C-alpha atoms as a PDB file:
ATOM      1  CA  UNK A   1      -2.608 -31.097  11.657  1.00  0.00           C
ATOM      2  CA  UNK A   2      -0.202 -33.986  12.116  1.00  0.00           C
ATOM      3  CA  UNK A   3       0.699 -33.890   8.432  1.00  0.00           C
ATOM      4  CA  UNK A   4       1.198 -30.099   8.615  1.00  0.00           C
ATOM      5  CA  UNK A   5       3.479 -30.516  11.647  1.00  0.00           C
ATOM      6  CA  UNK A   6       5.476 -33.205   9.851  1.00  0.00           C
ATOM      7  CA  UNK A   7       5.785 -30.965   6.806  1.00  0.00           C
ATOM      8  CA  UNK A   8       7.087 -28.112   8.967  1.00  0.00           C
ATOM      9  CA  UNK A   9       9.613 -30.454  10.587  1.00  0.00           C
ATOM     10  CA  UNK A  10      10.814 -31.734   7.204  1.00  0.00           C
ATOM     11  CA  UNK A  11      11.255 -28.169   5.923  1.00  0.00           C
ATOM     12  CA  UNK A  12      13.136 -27.107   9.084  1.00  0.00           C
ATOM     13  CA  UNK A  13      15.374 -30.191   8.872  1.00  0.00           C
ATOM     14  CA  UNK A  14      16.160 -29.493   5.212  1.00  0.00           C
ATOM     15  CA  UNK A  15      17.074 -25.880   6.039  1.00  0.00           C
ATOM     16  CA  UNK A  16      19.590 -27.045   8.675  1.00  0.00           C
ATOM     17  CA  UNK A  17      21.078 -29.577   6.227  1.00  0.00           C
ATOM     18  CA  UNK A  18      21.462 -26.831   3.646  1.00  0.00           C
ATOM     19  CA  UNK A  19      23.220 -24.618   6.213  1.00  0.00           C
ATOM     20  CA  UNK A  20      25.755 -27.396   6.808  1.00  0.00           C
ATOM     21  CA  UNK A  21      26.223 -27.865   3.071  1.00  0.00           C
ATOM     22  CA  UNK A  22      27.013 -24.163   2.695  1.00  0.00           C
ATOM     23  CA  UNK A  23      29.605 -24.356   5.487  1.00  0.00           C
ATOM     24  CA  UNK A  24      31.264 -27.385   3.889  1.00  0.00           C
ATOM     25  CA  UNK A  25      31.011 -26.034   0.338  1.00  0.00           C
ATOM     26  CA  UNK A  26      29.077 -29.183  -0.486  1.00  0.00           C
ATOM     27  CA  UNK A  27      27.725 -27.810  -3.755  1.00  0.00           C
ATOM     28  CA  UNK A  28      25.697 -30.912  -4.599  1.00  0.00           C
ATOM     29  CA  UNK A  29      23.488 -30.319  -1.537  1.00  0.00           C
ATOM     30  CA  UNK A  30      23.110 -26.566  -1.897  1.00  0.00           C
ATOM     31  CA  UNK A  31      19.947 -25.713  -3.880  1.00  0.00           C
ATOM     32  CA  UNK A  32      20.809 -24.910  -7.474  1.00  0.00           C
ATOM     33  CA  UNK A  33      20.452 -21.235  -8.341  1.00  0.00           C
ATOM     34  CA  UNK A  34      17.663 -20.245 -10.752  1.00  0.00           C
ATOM     35  CA  UNK A  35      18.698 -19.730 -14.343  1.00  0.00           C
ATOM     36  CA  UNK A  36      20.418 -16.385 -14.721  1.00  0.00           C
ATOM     37  CA  UNK A  37      21.483 -14.839 -18.007  1.00  0.00           C
ATOM     38  CA  UNK A  38      24.827 -13.199 -17.344  1.00  0.00           C
ATOM     39  CA  UNK A  39      25.440  -9.743 -18.765  1.00  0.00           C
ATOM     40  CA  UNK A  40      28.497  -9.846 -21.063  1.00  0.00           C
ATOM     41  CA  UNK A  41      28.887  -6.077 -20.664  1.00  0.00           C
ATOM     42  CA  UNK A  42      28.944  -6.184 -16.851  1.00  0.00           C
ATOM     43  CA  UNK A  43      32.357  -4.952 -15.638  1.00  0.00           C
ATOM     44  CA  UNK A  44      33.029  -7.818 -13.194  1.00  0.00           C
ATOM     45  CA  UNK A  45      30.175 -10.381 -13.102  1.00  0.00           C
ATOM     46  CA  UNK A  46      31.911 -12.950 -15.290  1.00  0.00           C
ATOM     47  CA  UNK A  47      35.440 -12.317 -13.999  1.00  0.00           C
ATOM     48  CA  UNK A  48      35.032 -13.190 -10.320  1.00  0.00           C
ATOM     49  CA  UNK A  49      32.330 -15.896 -10.432  1.00  0.00           C
ATOM     50  CA  UNK A  50      29.442 -13.962  -8.880  1.00  0.00           C
ATOM     51  CA  UNK A  51      26.559 -15.804 -10.557  1.00  0.00           C
ATOM     52  CA  UNK A  52      25.783 -19.275 -11.806  1.00  0.00           C
ATOM     53  CA  UNK A  53      26.698 -22.690 -10.415  1.00  0.00           C
ATOM     54  CA  UNK A  54      29.269 -22.765  -7.571  1.00  0.00           C
ATOM     55  CA  UNK A  55      29.340 -18.975  -7.477  1.00  0.00           C
ATOM     56  CA  UNK A  56      29.119 -16.431  -4.671  1.00  0.00           C
ATOM     57  CA  UNK A  57      25.360 -16.079  -5.117  1.00  0.00           C
ATOM     58  CA  UNK A  58      24.936 -19.852  -5.229  1.00  0.00           C
ATOM     59  CA  UNK A  59      26.702 -20.027  -1.847  1.00  0.00           C
ATOM     60  CA  UNK A  60      24.961 -17.199   0.028  1.00  0.00           C
ATOM     61  CA  UNK A  61      21.486 -17.066  -1.566  1.00  0.00           C
ATOM     62  CA  UNK A  62      19.022 -18.333   1.065  1.00  0.00           C
ATOM     63  CA  UNK A  63      16.088 -16.390  -0.419  1.00  0.00           C
ATOM     64  CA  UNK A  64      12.861 -18.204  -1.302  1.00  0.00           C
ATOM     65  CA  UNK A  65      10.913 -15.528  -3.188  1.00  0.00           C
ATOM     66  CA  UNK A  66      11.637 -14.340  -6.692  1.00  0.00           C
ATOM     67  CA  UNK A  67      11.724 -10.742  -5.474  1.00  0.00           C
ATOM     68  CA  UNK A  68      14.180 -11.574  -2.685  1.00  0.00           C
ATOM     69  CA  UNK A  69      16.508 -13.312  -5.123  1.00  0.00           C
ATOM     70  CA  UNK A  70      16.390 -10.341  -7.499  1.00  0.00           C
ATOM     71  CA  UNK A  71      17.055  -7.920  -4.631  1.00  0.00           C
ATOM     72  CA  UNK A  72      20.139  -9.848  -3.479  1.00  0.00           C
ATOM     73  CA  UNK A  73      21.410 -10.191  -7.047  1.00  0.00           C
ATOM     74  CA  UNK A  74      20.929  -6.461  -7.611  1.00  0.00           C
ATOM     75  CA  UNK A  75      22.899  -5.616  -4.473  1.00  0.00           C
ATOM     76  CA  UNK A  76      25.776  -7.830  -5.601  1.00  0.00           C
ATOM     77  CA  UNK A  77      25.875  -6.879  -9.276  1.00  0.00           C
ATOM     78  CA  UNK A  78      24.608  -3.309  -9.228  1.00  0.00           C
ATOM     79  CA  UNK A  79      25.392  -1.911  -5.783  1.00  0.00           C
ATOM     80  CA  UNK A  80      24.269   1.546  -4.729  1.00  0.00           C
ATOM     81  CA  UNK A  81      27.498   3.506  -4.307  1.00  0.00           C
ATOM     82  CA  UNK A  82      25.999   6.188  -2.064  1.00  0.00           C
ATOM     83  CA  UNK A  83      27.532   6.080   1.411  1.00  0.00           C
ATOM     84  CA  UNK A  84      24.312   6.363   3.483  1.00  0.00           C
ATOM     85  CA  UNK A  85      22.495   3.288   2.003  1.00  0.00           C
ATOM     86  CA  UNK A  86      25.648   1.170   2.370  1.00  0.00           C
ATOM     87  CA  UNK A  87      26.103   2.115   6.020  1.00  0.00           C
ATOM     88  CA  UNK A  88      22.415   1.527   6.729  1.00  0.00           C
ATOM     89  CA  UNK A  89      22.587  -1.919   5.125  1.00  0.00           C
ATOM     90  CA  UNK A  90      25.615  -2.782   7.260  1.00  0.00           C
ATOM     91  CA  UNK A  91      23.609  -1.936  10.391  1.00  0.00           C
ATOM     92  CA  UNK A  92      20.628  -3.992   9.206  1.00  0.00           C
ATOM     93  CA  UNK A  93      22.819  -7.006   8.446  1.00  0.00           C
ATOM     94  CA  UNK A  94      24.608  -6.762  11.791  1.00  0.00           C
ATOM     95  CA  UNK A  95      21.270  -6.639  13.637  1.00  0.00           C
ATOM     96  CA  UNK A  96      19.958  -9.677  11.730  1.00  0.00           C
ATOM     97  CA  UNK A  97      23.124 -11.649  12.446  1.00  0.00           C
ATOM     98  CA  UNK A  98      21.938 -12.007  16.060  1.00  0.00           C
ATOM     99  CA  UNK A  99      18.504 -13.312  14.988  1.00  0.00           C
ATOM    100  CA  UNK A 100      19.340 -16.787  13.722  1.00  0.00           C
ATOM    101  CA  UNK A 101      16.028 -18.294  14.818  1.00  0.00           C
ATOM    102  CA  UNK A 102      14.046 -15.536  13.106  1.00  0.00           C
ATOM    103  CA  UNK A 103      16.023 -15.956   9.885  1.00  0.00           C
ATOM    104  CA  UNK A 104      15.371 -19.696   9.830  1.00  0.00           C
ATOM    105  CA  UNK A 105      11.653 -19.248  10.542  1.00  0.00           C
ATOM    106  CA  UNK A 106      11.424 -16.631   7.786  1.00  0.00           C
ATOM    107  CA  UNK A 107      13.036 -19.088   5.386  1.00  0.00           C
ATOM    108  CA  UNK A 108      10.815 -21.924   6.640  1.00  0.00           C
ATOM    109  CA  UNK A 109       7.560 -20.007   6.157  1.00  0.00           C
ATOM    110  CA  UNK A 110       8.647 -18.815   2.724  1.00  0.00           C
ATOM    111  CA  UNK A 111       9.751 -22.357   1.767  1.00  0.00           C
ATOM    112  CA  UNK A 112       6.333 -23.730   2.741  1.00  0.00           C
ATOM    113  CA  UNK A 113       4.716 -21.071   0.551  1.00  0.00           C
ATOM    114  CA  UNK A 114       6.996 -22.151  -2.287  1.00  0.00           C
ATOM    115  CA  UNK A 115       6.081 -25.821  -1.767  1.00  0.00           C
ATOM    116  CA  UNK A 116       2.327 -25.110  -1.729  1.00  0.00           C
ATOM    117  CA  UNK A 117       2.605 -23.199  -5.026  1.00  0.00           C
ATOM    118  CA  UNK A 118       5.239 -25.502  -6.580  1.00  0.00           C
ATOM    119  CA  UNK A 119       7.319 -22.482  -7.550  1.00  0.00           C
ATOM    120  CA  UNK A 120       8.925 -19.362  -6.120  1.00  0.00           C
ATOM    121  CA  UNK A 121       6.329 -16.910  -4.826  1.00  0.00           C
ATOM    122  CA  UNK A 122       6.180 -13.944  -7.228  1.00  0.00           C
ATOM    123  CA  UNK A 123       4.372 -10.991  -5.656  1.00  0.00           C
ATOM    124  CA  UNK A 124       4.556  -8.874  -8.792  1.00  0.00           C
ATOM    125  CA  UNK A 125       2.038 -11.191 -10.446  1.00  0.00           C
ATOM    126  CA  UNK A 126      -0.613 -10.598  -7.772  1.00  0.00           C
ATOM    127  CA  UNK A 127       0.029  -6.823  -7.765  1.00  0.00           C
ATOM    128  CA  UNK A 128      -0.526  -6.789 -11.522  1.00  0.00           C
ATOM    129  CA  UNK A 129      -3.666  -8.918 -11.149  1.00  0.00           C
ATOM    130  CA  UNK A 130      -5.121  -6.583  -8.511  1.00  0.00           C
ATOM    131  CA  UNK A 131      -4.473  -3.578 -10.731  1.00  0.00           C
ATOM    132  CA  UNK A 132      -6.101  -5.198 -13.751  1.00  0.00           C
ATOM    133  CA  UNK A 133      -9.173  -6.299 -11.740  1.00  0.00           C
ATOM    134  CA  UNK A 134      -9.812  -2.999  -9.993  1.00  0.00           C
ATOM    135  CA  UNK A 135     -13.549  -2.098 -10.153  1.00  0.00           C
ATOM    136  CA  UNK A 136     -14.489   0.925 -12.222  1.00  0.00           C
ATOM    137  CA  UNK A 137     -17.370   2.068 -10.012  1.00  0.00           C
ATOM    138  CA  UNK A 138     -18.389   1.499  -6.406  1.00  0.00           C
ATOM    139  CA  UNK A 139     -21.246  -0.861  -5.585  1.00  0.00           C
ATOM    140  CA  UNK A 140     -22.001   0.959  -2.310  1.00  0.00           C
ATOM    141  CA  UNK A 141     -25.093   2.869  -3.575  1.00  0.00           C
ATOM    142  CA  UNK A 142     -26.636  -0.400  -4.795  1.00  0.00           C
ATOM    143  CA  UNK A 143     -25.764  -2.112  -1.500  1.00  0.00           C
ATOM    144  CA  UNK A 144     -27.499   0.641   0.477  1.00  0.00           C
ATOM    145  CA  UNK A 145     -30.612   0.696  -1.736  1.00  0.00           C
ATOM    146  CA  UNK A 146     -31.127  -3.038  -2.071  1.00  0.00           C
ATOM    147  CA  UNK A 147     -30.019  -3.747   1.492  1.00  0.00           C
ATOM    148  CA  UNK A 148     -32.634  -1.304   2.769  1.00  0.00           C
ATOM    149  CA  UNK A 149     -35.321  -2.884   0.588  1.00  0.00           C
ATOM    150  CA  UNK A 150     -34.345  -6.362   1.817  1.00  0.00           C
ATOM    151  CA  UNK A 151     -34.503  -5.267   5.469  1.00  0.00           C
ATOM    152  CA  UNK A 152     -37.899  -3.632   4.946  1.00  0.00           C
ATOM    153  CA  UNK A 153     -39.160  -6.763   3.220  1.00  0.00           C
ATOM    154  CA  UNK A 154     -37.928  -9.082   5.969  1.00  0.00           C
ATOM    155  CA  UNK A 155     -39.227  -6.844   8.746  1.00  0.00           C
ATOM    156  CA  UNK A 156     -42.578  -6.475   7.011  1.00  0.00           C
ATOM    157  CA  UNK A 157     -42.863 -10.236   6.512  1.00  0.00           C
ATOM    158  CA  UNK A 158     -42.163 -10.929  10.188  1.00  0.00           C
ATOM    159  CA  UNK A 159     -44.556  -8.234  11.428  1.00  0.00           C
ATOM    160  CA  UNK A 160     -47.214  -9.363   8.970  1.00  0.00           C
ATOM    161  CA  UNK A 161     -46.880 -13.000  10.127  1.00  0.00           C
ATOM    162  CA  UNK A 162     -47.371 -11.808  13.700  1.00  0.00           C
ATOM    163  CA  UNK A 163     -50.322  -9.669  12.556  1.00  0.00           C
ATOM    164  CA  UNK A 164     -48.691  -6.475  13.822  1.00  0.00           C
ATOM    165  CA  UNK A 165     -48.608  -4.740  10.431  1.00  0.00           C
ATOM    166  CA  UNK A 166     -50.139  -5.003   6.956  1.00  0.00           C
ATOM    167  CA  UNK A 167     -48.268  -7.213   4.419  1.00  0.00           C
ATOM    168  CA  UNK A 168     -46.084  -4.493   2.949  1.00  0.00           C
ATOM    169  CA  UNK A 169     -43.661  -7.148   1.688  1.00  0.00           C
ATOM    170  CA  UNK A 170     -46.152  -7.954  -1.104  1.00  0.00           C
ATOM    171  CA  UNK A 171     -44.973  -4.696  -2.654  1.00  0.00           C
ATOM    172  CA  UNK A 172     -41.349  -4.413  -1.519  1.00  0.00           C
ATOM    173  CA  UNK A 173     -40.224  -7.945  -2.385  1.00  0.00           C
ATOM    174  CA  UNK A 174     -41.208  -7.822  -6.088  1.00  0.00           C
ATOM    175  CA  UNK A 175     -39.510  -4.411  -6.290  1.00  0.00           C
ATOM    176  CA  UNK A 176     -36.387  -5.807  -4.624  1.00  0.00           C
ATOM    177  CA  UNK A 177     -36.426  -8.890  -6.866  1.00  0.00           C
ATOM    178  CA  UNK A 178     -36.720  -6.879 -10.084  1.00  0.00           C
ATOM    179  CA  UNK A 179     -34.087  -4.322  -9.079  1.00  0.00           C
ATOM    180  CA  UNK A 180     -31.566  -6.853  -7.757  1.00  0.00           C
ATOM    181  CA  UNK A 181     -31.734  -9.373 -10.537  1.00  0.00           C
ATOM    182  CA  UNK A 182     -31.888  -6.555 -13.084  1.00  0.00           C
ATOM    183  CA  UNK A 183     -28.681  -5.194 -11.566  1.00  0.00           C
ATOM    184  CA  UNK A 184     -27.257  -8.720 -11.555  1.00  0.00           C
ATOM    185  CA  UNK A 185     -27.932  -8.988 -15.274  1.00  0.00           C
ATOM    186  CA  UNK A 186     -26.148  -5.673 -15.897  1.00  0.00           C
ATOM    187  CA  UNK A 187     -23.177  -6.539 -13.701  1.00  0.00           C
ATOM    188  CA  UNK A 188     -23.156 -10.310 -14.170  1.00  0.00           C
ATOM    189  CA  UNK A 189     -19.448 -10.385 -14.944  1.00  0.00           C
ATOM    190  CA  UNK A 190     -18.496  -8.594 -11.710  1.00  0.00           C
ATOM    191  CA  UNK A 191     -21.018 -10.210  -9.358  1.00  0.00           C
ATOM    192  CA  UNK A 192     -20.660 -13.658 -10.878  1.00  0.00           C
ATOM    193  CA  UNK A 193     -16.885 -13.551 -10.343  1.00  0.00           C
ATOM    194  CA  UNK A 194     -17.206 -13.378  -6.536  1.00  0.00           C
ATOM    195  CA  UNK A 195     -16.300 -17.030  -5.975  1.00  0.00           C
ATOM    196  CA  UNK A 196     -13.591 -17.158  -8.619  1.00  0.00           C
ATOM    197  CA  UNK A 197     -11.816 -13.952  -7.590  1.00  0.00           C
ATOM    198  CA  UNK A 198     -12.043 -14.455  -3.829  1.00  0.00           C
ATOM    199  CA  UNK A 199     -10.776 -18.042  -4.148  1.00  0.00           C
ATOM    200  CA  UNK A 200      -7.933 -16.939  -6.428  1.00  0.00           C
ATOM    201  CA  UNK A 201      -6.837 -14.277  -3.943  1.00  0.00           C
ATOM    202  CA  UNK A 202      -7.145 -16.652  -1.011  1.00  0.00           C
ATOM    203  CA  UNK A 203      -5.020 -19.332  -2.692  1.00  0.00           C
ATOM    204  CA  UNK A 204      -2.433 -16.808  -3.862  1.00  0.00           C
ATOM    205  CA  UNK A 205      -2.081 -14.807  -0.656  1.00  0.00           C
ATOM    206  CA  UNK A 206      -2.579 -17.558   1.937  1.00  0.00           C
ATOM    207  CA  UNK A 207       1.008 -18.883   1.535  1.00  0.00           C
ATOM    208  CA  UNK A 208       2.260 -15.301   1.985  1.00  0.00           C
ATOM    209  CA  UNK A 209       0.223 -14.937   5.210  1.00  0.00           C
ATOM    210  CA  UNK A 210       2.656 -17.073   7.219  1.00  0.00           C
ATOM    211  CA  UNK A 211       5.554 -14.806   6.291  1.00  0.00           C
ATOM    212  CA  UNK A 212       3.644 -11.636   7.147  1.00  0.00           C
ATOM    213  CA  UNK A 213       2.349 -13.055  10.430  1.00  0.00           C
ATOM    214  CA  UNK A 214       5.892 -13.934  11.484  1.00  0.00           C
ATOM    215  CA  UNK A 215       7.100 -10.394  10.772  1.00  0.00           C
ATOM    216  CA  UNK A 216       4.043  -8.947  12.566  1.00  0.00           C
ATOM    217  CA  UNK A 217       4.670 -10.947  15.751  1.00  0.00           C
ATOM    218  CA  UNK A 218       8.453 -10.671  15.927  1.00  0.00           C
ATOM    219  CA  UNK A 219       9.788  -8.254  18.519  1.00  0.00           C
ATOM    220  CA  UNK A 220      12.736  -6.164  17.327  1.00  0.00           C
ATOM    221  CA  UNK A 221      13.228  -4.287  20.595  1.00  0.00           C
ATOM    222  CA  UNK A 222      17.012  -4.642  20.323  1.00  0.00           C
ATOM    223  CA  UNK A 223      17.161  -4.117  16.557  1.00  0.00           C
ATOM    224  CA  UNK A 224      15.975  -0.524  16.011  1.00  0.00           C
ATOM    225  CA  UNK A 225      16.837  -0.383  12.321  1.00  0.00           C
ATOM    226  CA  UNK A 226      15.059  -3.672  11.550  1.00  0.00           C
ATOM    227  CA  UNK A 227      12.106  -2.456  13.610  1.00  0.00           C
ATOM    228  CA  UNK A 228      11.987   0.700  11.501  1.00  0.00           C
ATOM    229  CA  UNK A 229      12.165  -1.360   8.298  1.00  0.00           C
ATOM    230  CA  UNK A 230       9.242  -3.574   9.410  1.00  0.00           C
ATOM    231  CA  UNK A 231       7.137  -0.750  10.855  1.00  0.00           C
ATOM    232  CA  UNK A 232       4.607  -0.697   7.951  1.00  0.00           C
ATOM    233  CA  UNK A 233       3.806  -4.379   8.645  1.00  0.00           C
ATOM    234  CA  UNK A 234       3.865  -4.103  12.434  1.00  0.00           C
ATOM    235  CA  UNK A 235       1.814  -0.890  12.462  1.00  0.00           C
ATOM    236  CA  UNK A 236      -1.300  -1.630  14.557  1.00  0.00           C
ATOM    237  CA  UNK A 237      -3.579   0.433  12.292  1.00  0.00           C
ATOM    238  CA  UNK A 238      -2.707  -1.489   9.102  1.00  0.00           C
ATOM    239  CA  UNK A 239      -1.968  -5.157   9.721  1.00  0.00           C
ATOM    240  CA  UNK A 240      -1.689  -7.646   6.829  1.00  0.00           C
ATOM    241  CA  UNK A 241      -3.243 -10.438   8.910  1.00  0.00           C
ATOM    242  CA  UNK A 242      -6.470  -8.446   9.255  1.00  0.00           C
ATOM    243  CA  UNK A 243      -6.850  -7.953   5.513  1.00  0.00           C
ATOM    244  CA  UNK A 244      -5.990 -11.603   4.822  1.00  0.00           C
ATOM    245  CA  UNK A 245      -8.472 -12.881   7.439  1.00  0.00           C
ATOM    246  CA  UNK A 246     -11.136 -10.636   5.931  1.00  0.00           C
ATOM    247  CA  UNK A 247     -10.333 -12.002   2.490  1.00  0.00           C
ATOM    248  CA  UNK A 248     -10.706 -15.587   3.710  1.00  0.00           C
ATOM    249  CA  UNK A 249     -14.110 -14.785   5.251  1.00  0.00           C
ATOM    250  CA  UNK A 250     -15.244 -13.278   1.944  1.00  0.00           C
ATOM    251  CA  UNK A 251     -13.978 -16.358   0.096  1.00  0.00           C
ATOM    252  CA  UNK A 252     -16.061 -18.504   2.471  1.00  0.00           C
ATOM    253  CA  UNK A 253     -19.150 -16.404   1.770  1.00  0.00           C
ATOM    254  CA  UNK A 254     -18.515 -16.607  -1.970  1.00  0.00           C
ATOM    255  CA  UNK A 255     -18.648 -20.408  -1.890  1.00  0.00           C
ATOM    256  CA  UNK A 256     -22.436 -20.170  -1.638  1.00  0.00           C
ATOM    257  CA  UNK A 257     -22.346 -19.626  -5.411  1.00  0.00           C
ATOM    258  CA  UNK A 258     -21.515 -23.323  -5.739  1.00  0.00           C
ATOM    259  CA  UNK A 259     -24.952 -24.379  -4.452  1.00  0.00           C
ATOM    260  CA  UNK A 260     -27.369 -23.221  -7.139  1.00  0.00           C
ATOM    261  CA  UNK A 261     -30.686 -23.708  -5.298  1.00  0.00           C
ATOM    262  CA  UNK A 262     -29.444 -22.353  -1.972  1.00  0.00           C
ATOM    263  CA  UNK A 263     -27.715 -19.503  -3.797  1.00  0.00           C
ATOM    264  CA  UNK A 264     -30.976 -18.446  -5.504  1.00  0.00           C
ATOM    265  CA  UNK A 265     -32.964 -18.646  -2.260  1.00  0.00           C
ATOM    266  CA  UNK A 266     -30.319 -16.694  -0.347  1.00  0.00           C
ATOM    267  CA  UNK A 267     -30.086 -13.907  -2.913  1.00  0.00           C
ATOM    268  CA  UNK A 268     -33.876 -13.791  -3.203  1.00  0.00           C
ATOM    269  CA  UNK A 269     -33.968 -12.764   0.473  1.00  0.00           C
ATOM    270  CA  UNK A 270     -30.863 -10.575   0.781  1.00  0.00           C
ATOM    271  CA  UNK A 271     -28.379  -9.143  -1.773  1.00  0.00           C
ATOM    272  CA  UNK A 272     -25.707 -11.634  -0.688  1.00  0.00           C
ATOM    273  CA  UNK A 273     -23.492 -11.564  -3.769  1.00  0.00           C
ATOM    274  CA  UNK A 274     -23.784  -7.790  -4.049  1.00  0.00           C
ATOM    275  CA  UNK A 275     -22.716  -7.198  -0.438  1.00  0.00           C
ATOM    276  CA  UNK A 276     -19.764  -9.575  -0.545  1.00  0.00           C
ATOM    277  CA  UNK A 277     -18.631  -8.420  -3.985  1.00  0.00           C
ATOM    278  CA  UNK A 278     -18.564  -4.883  -2.577  1.00  0.00           C
ATOM    279  CA  UNK A 279     -16.566  -6.098   0.447  1.00  0.00           C
ATOM    280  CA  UNK A 280     -14.225  -8.014  -1.871  1.00  0.00           C
ATOM    281  CA  UNK A 281     -13.643  -4.880  -3.963  1.00  0.00           C
ATOM    282  CA  UNK A 282     -12.784  -2.908  -0.835  1.00  0.00           C
ATOM    283  CA  UNK A 283     -10.466  -5.652   0.367  1.00  0.00           C
ATOM    284  CA  UNK A 284      -8.766  -5.818  -3.042  1.00  0.00           C
ATOM    285  CA  UNK A 285      -8.225  -2.054  -2.935  1.00  0.00           C
ATOM    286  CA  UNK A 286      -6.718  -2.234   0.568  1.00  0.00           C
ATOM    287  CA  UNK A 287      -4.398  -5.094  -0.369  1.00  0.00           C
ATOM    288  CA  UNK A 288      -3.460  -3.415  -3.657  1.00  0.00           C
ATOM    289  CA  UNK A 289      -2.480  -0.204  -1.829  1.00  0.00           C
ATOM    290  CA  UNK A 290      -0.333  -1.924   0.806  1.00  0.00           C
ATOM    291  CA  UNK A 291       0.966  -5.065  -0.905  1.00  0.00           C
ATOM    292  CA  UNK A 292       3.880  -3.416  -2.802  1.00  0.00           C
ATOM    293  CA  UNK A 293       5.271  -2.044   0.474  1.00  0.00           C
ATOM    294  CA  UNK A 294       4.785  -5.391   2.275  1.00  0.00           C
ATOM    295  CA  UNK A 295       6.570  -7.149  -0.567  1.00  0.00           C
ATOM    296  CA  UNK A 296       9.453  -4.663  -0.500  1.00  0.00           C
ATOM    297  CA  UNK A 297       9.964  -5.317   3.222  1.00  0.00           C
ATOM    298  CA  UNK A 298       9.896  -9.086   2.713  1.00  0.00           C
ATOM    299  CA  UNK A 299      12.310  -8.932  -0.216  1.00  0.00           C
ATOM    300  CA  UNK A 300      14.682  -6.692   1.771  1.00  0.00           C
ATOM    301  CA  UNK A 301      14.511  -9.021   4.785  1.00  0.00           C
ATOM    302  CA  UNK A 302      15.226 -12.079   2.648  1.00  0.00           C
ATOM    303  CA  UNK A 303      18.230 -10.468   0.958  1.00  0.00           C
ATOM    304  CA  UNK A 304      19.522  -9.065   4.262  1.00  0.00           C
ATOM    305  CA  UNK A 305      19.035 -12.451   5.936  1.00  0.00           C
ATOM    306  CA  UNK A 306      21.152 -14.125   3.256  1.00  0.00           C
ATOM    307  CA  UNK A 307      24.003 -11.715   3.966  1.00  0.00           C
ATOM    308  CA  UNK A 308      23.466 -12.001   7.730  1.00  0.00           C
ATOM    309  CA  UNK A 309      23.539 -15.802   7.621  1.00  0.00           C
ATOM    310  CA  UNK A 310      26.815 -15.787   5.724  1.00  0.00           C
ATOM    311  CA  UNK A 311      28.292 -13.325   8.206  1.00  0.00           C
ATOM    312  CA  UNK A 312      27.034 -15.215  11.260  1.00  0.00           C
ATOM    313  CA  UNK A 313      28.320 -18.627  10.166  1.00  0.00           C
ATOM    314  CA  UNK A 314      31.818 -17.671   9.062  1.00  0.00           C
ATOM    315  CA  UNK A 315      34.962 -16.374  10.759  1.00  0.00           C
ATOM    316  CA  UNK A 316      34.123 -13.219  12.753  1.00  0.00           C
ATOM    317  CA  UNK A 317      35.267 -10.114  10.979  1.00  0.00           C
ATOM    318  CA  UNK A 318      34.515  -6.446  10.721  1.00  0.00           C
ATOM    319  CA  UNK A 319      32.425  -4.456   8.334  1.00  0.00           C
ATOM    320  CA  UNK A 320      34.557  -2.147   6.201  1.00  0.00           C
ATOM    321  CA  UNK A 321      34.582   1.442   7.406  1.00  0.00           C
ATOM    322  CA  UNK A 322      33.521   3.664   4.548  1.00  0.00           C
ATOM    323  CA  UNK A 323      34.061   7.397   4.428  1.00  0.00           C
END
């Protein structure tokens, strides 16, 4: 915990130093922009120094995710010329300008995710992975059948040991054993991947959890447009933190696959891998359905925060009035 606190302090201190570097145009201490291939056919990108080293994007880009950087770049290079989106973005930026602490904490949480992964967090990769690893059929019928057999076997064993009932488990346990391990042989690839897939998701999404939790907890009572933007994350019926906590519990259960003897004994009594693989599949489906929208909100907030930070730290001005 001490090391984690020190890491948070170092990240926060570096963010403040970078803010000062941006104010002073101290280019050597402003993080270098990612490589960007300029478009020679773009009407103004190369004429007014929008991209590349010591450019406008180099100065204002405080984003930490790959999607946030792309969103900000798209707004600068390929702006939507419709009046309504421009006016709405002006309102969002003006509301975020008053939330300096929130902007810094958003950057800090995203920076820590970047440090833990040693690269910019790319949500499109995990969306693609979830789509490719979607189960073809539900395991629920097998869970119900084998779970019922396991319960009958356990209940019969207990009642038989207490001499309250005949030893029915002599019949049900061999049936359960044959059915379960027969099913395991048929679906070895899916059931055997419980540990690998749950751990992969946990490691990939855990850094993102800090960002989502911050957005969940933040009150936007005085920022109605930002509140509307973040509503899918702050909605009490679908909260990212719940799905991520569930995923971490499943990952913990999947670690039993590492202990071969205990794993065999556990699955010989109850369909452990089957139950938690089914729960993992459901969790993957929930995350897959909501993750693109969560990512869109985060990317929008990062790009808006970059514009808001520039506006809040420079000479007060006015947004252009567009008609």
